[in-house]
Amino acid sequence: MKHNGQDAGKGNIIAFLGKETLFRGYLQFEGTVRIDGVLEGEIHSKNTLIVGDGAVITGTVNVGRIVCGGTVNGKVIAQESIQFVKPSNIKGEIKTPVLMIEEGVIFNGQCEMATGMNKEKTVEGNEKKS
């Protein structure tokens, strides 16, 4: 797995928000998406989100898998795994069954490593427990 996220996703990147991009609102996607800009709001997917080292996300992220090298302020839920690579700076709450944190990452917040998260489904952006 490469630091810049090129080999981090499961498949080709279907959408990309570049460094000069500011997005406010609700993002829902299938496939792999990479963010290098600023996103304020909510992100929902069953698939992979790659957060580049210049990216800043403020809000709620609920995805299948996340590989993060940027800044996240808020709540991150990953049904499969979370991987933080340097120079990540995470402030908030995270929940995942698998967590990988590289040396040099800053994480301030709460972490819950829950088993059986695959039983939770994302329905129109809301968590539904079976």
Protein backbone atom coordinates (compact mmCIF):
# COMPACT_ATOMS: atom_id res chain seq x y z
CA MET A 1 0.00 0.00 0.00
CA LYS A 2 1.49 3.32 -1.03
CA HIS A 3 1.42 6.41 1.19
CA ASN A 4 -0.21 8.64 -1.43
CA GLY A 5 -3.18 6.30 -1.75
CA GLN A 6 -2.52 5.29 -5.36
CA ASP A 7 -2.61 1.60 -4.48
CA ALA A 8 -4.76 1.98 -1.38
CA GLY A 9 -8.21 1.53 -2.92
CA LYS A 10 -9.93 -1.58 -4.12
CA GLY A 11 -10.25 -0.61 -7.76
CA ASN A 12 -10.03 2.52 -9.85
CA ILE A 13 -10.81 5.95 -8.46
CA ILE A 14 -14.21 6.99 -9.85
CA ALA A 15 -14.22 10.57 -8.53
CA PHE A 16 -11.59 13.04 -7.39
CA LEU A 17 -11.91 16.34 -5.51
CA GLY A 18 -8.66 18.24 -6.14
CA LYS A 19 -6.64 20.48 -3.84
CA GLU A 20 -8.45 23.66 -4.88
CA THR A 21 -11.91 22.13 -4.36
CA LEU A 22 -14.33 23.17 -1.61
CA PHE A 23 -17.41 20.97 -1.25
CA ARG A 24 -20.20 21.58 1.28
CA GLY A 25 -23.03 19.11 1.66
CA TYR A 26 -23.79 15.42 1.36
CA LEU A 27 -21.62 13.05 -0.69
CA GLN A 28 -22.75 9.50 -1.42
CA PHE A 29 -20.84 7.24 -3.80
CA GLU A 30 -20.06 3.72 -4.99
CA GLY A 31 -16.52 2.67 -5.87
CA THR A 32 -13.38 4.50 -4.73
CA VAL A 33 -13.27 8.28 -4.25
CA ARG A 34 -10.23 10.42 -3.47
CA ILE A 35 -10.43 13.82 -1.75
CA ASP A 36 -7.49 16.23 -1.75
CA GLY A 37 -9.53 19.40 -1.15
CA VAL A 38 -11.86 20.63 1.60
CA LEU A 39 -15.14 18.90 2.38
CA GLU A 40 -17.64 20.09 4.99
CA GLY A 41 -20.63 17.85 5.57
CA GLU A 42 -21.35 14.14 5.32
CA ILE A 43 -19.84 11.30 3.33
CA HIS A 44 -21.62 7.95 2.99
CA SER A 45 -20.57 4.84 1.07
CA LYS A 46 -20.10 1.11 1.41
CA ASN A 47 -16.84 1.47 -0.51
CA THR A 48 -13.40 3.12 -0.17
CA LEU A 49 -12.56 6.75 0.60
CA ILE A 50 -9.00 8.00 0.14
CA VAL A 51 -8.15 11.26 1.92
CA GLY A 52 -4.99 12.88 0.54
CA ASP A 53 -2.40 14.57 2.73
CA GLY A 54 -3.66 18.08 1.88
CA ALA A 55 -7.33 17.31 2.43
CA VAL A 56 -9.47 18.68 5.26
CA ILE A 57 -12.75 16.97 6.10
CA THR A 58 -15.11 18.40 8.72
CA GLY A 59 -18.22 16.40 9.51
CA THR A 60 -19.31 12.76 9.46
CA VAL A 61 -17.72 10.02 7.39
CA ASN A 62 -19.47 6.64 7.17
CA VAL A 63 -17.75 4.36 4.64
CA GLY A 64 -16.70 0.78 4.11
CA ARG A 65 -12.99 1.58 4.24
CA ILE A 66 -10.92 4.75 4.63
CA VAL A 67 -7.25 5.43 3.95
CA CYS A 68 -6.41 8.86 5.34
CA GLY A 69 -3.34 11.05 5.09
CA GLY A 70 -5.14 14.35 5.69
CA THR A 71 -7.06 16.17 8.41
CA VAL A 72 -10.41 14.95 9.70
CA ASN A 73 -12.48 16.77 12.32
CA GLY A 74 -15.60 14.85 13.26
CA LYS A 75 -16.88 11.31 13.31
CA VAL A 76 -15.43 8.49 11.20
CA ILE A 77 -17.19 5.13 10.94
CA ALA A 78 -15.70 2.43 8.73
CA GLN A 79 -17.45 -0.92 8.35
CA GLU A 80 -14.22 -2.70 7.27
CA SER A 81 -11.12 -0.70 8.26
CA ILE A 82 -9.49 2.64 8.96
CA GLN A 83 -5.89 3.32 7.99
CA PHE A 84 -4.23 6.57 9.05
CA VAL A 85 -0.91 7.36 7.38
CA LYS A 86 1.31 10.31 8.18
CA PRO A 87 0.78 13.24 8.20
CA SER A 88 -2.84 12.53 9.27
CA ASN A 89 -4.35 14.72 11.96
CA ILE A 90 -7.57 13.28 13.35
CA LYS A 91 -9.77 14.98 15.94
CA GLY A 92 -13.01 13.30 16.92
CA GLU A 93 -14.60 9.91 17.23
CA ILE A 94 -13.74 6.80 15.21
CA LYS A 95 -15.44 3.42 15.05
CA THR A 96 -14.18 0.41 13.10
CA PRO A 97 -13.35 -3.28 13.53
CA VAL A 98 -9.79 -2.80 12.14
CA LEU A 99 -7.56 0.22 12.86
CA MET A 100 -4.06 0.92 11.53
CA ILE A 101 -2.17 4.04 12.63
CA GLU A 102 1.24 4.84 11.18
CA GLU A 103 3.94 6.45 13.30
CA GLY A 104 3.73 10.24 13.02
CA VAL A 105 -0.09 10.42 12.90
CA ILE A 106 -1.85 12.71 15.38
CA PHE A 107 -5.09 11.31 16.81
CA ASN A 108 -7.06 13.07 19.53
CA GLY A 109 -10.45 11.65 20.37
CA GLN A 110 -12.35 8.48 21.09
CA CYS A 111 -11.96 5.11 19.42
CA GLU A 112 -14.34 2.17 19.47
CA MET A 113 -13.24 -1.05 17.84
CA ALA A 114 -16.44 -3.00 17.38
CA THR A 115 -16.77 -6.48 15.97
CA GLY A 116 -19.70 -7.37 13.79
CA MET A 117 -19.94 -3.92 12.23
CA ASN A 118 -20.72 -5.49 8.85
CA LYS A 119 -24.19 -6.15 10.23
CA GLU A 120 -24.80 -2.39 10.33
CA LYS A 121 -26.16 -1.06 7.07
CA THR A 122 -26.14 2.44 5.68
CA VAL A 123 -29.63 3.38 4.59
CA GLU A 124 -29.91 6.84 3.07
CA GLY A 125 -27.05 8.02 5.23
CA ASN A 126 -28.37 6.72 8.54
CA GLU A 127 -27.02 3.80 10.49
CA LYS A 128 -29.47 0.96 10.89
CA LYS A 129 -28.58 -1.78 13.36
CA SER A 130 -29.87 -5.25 12.62
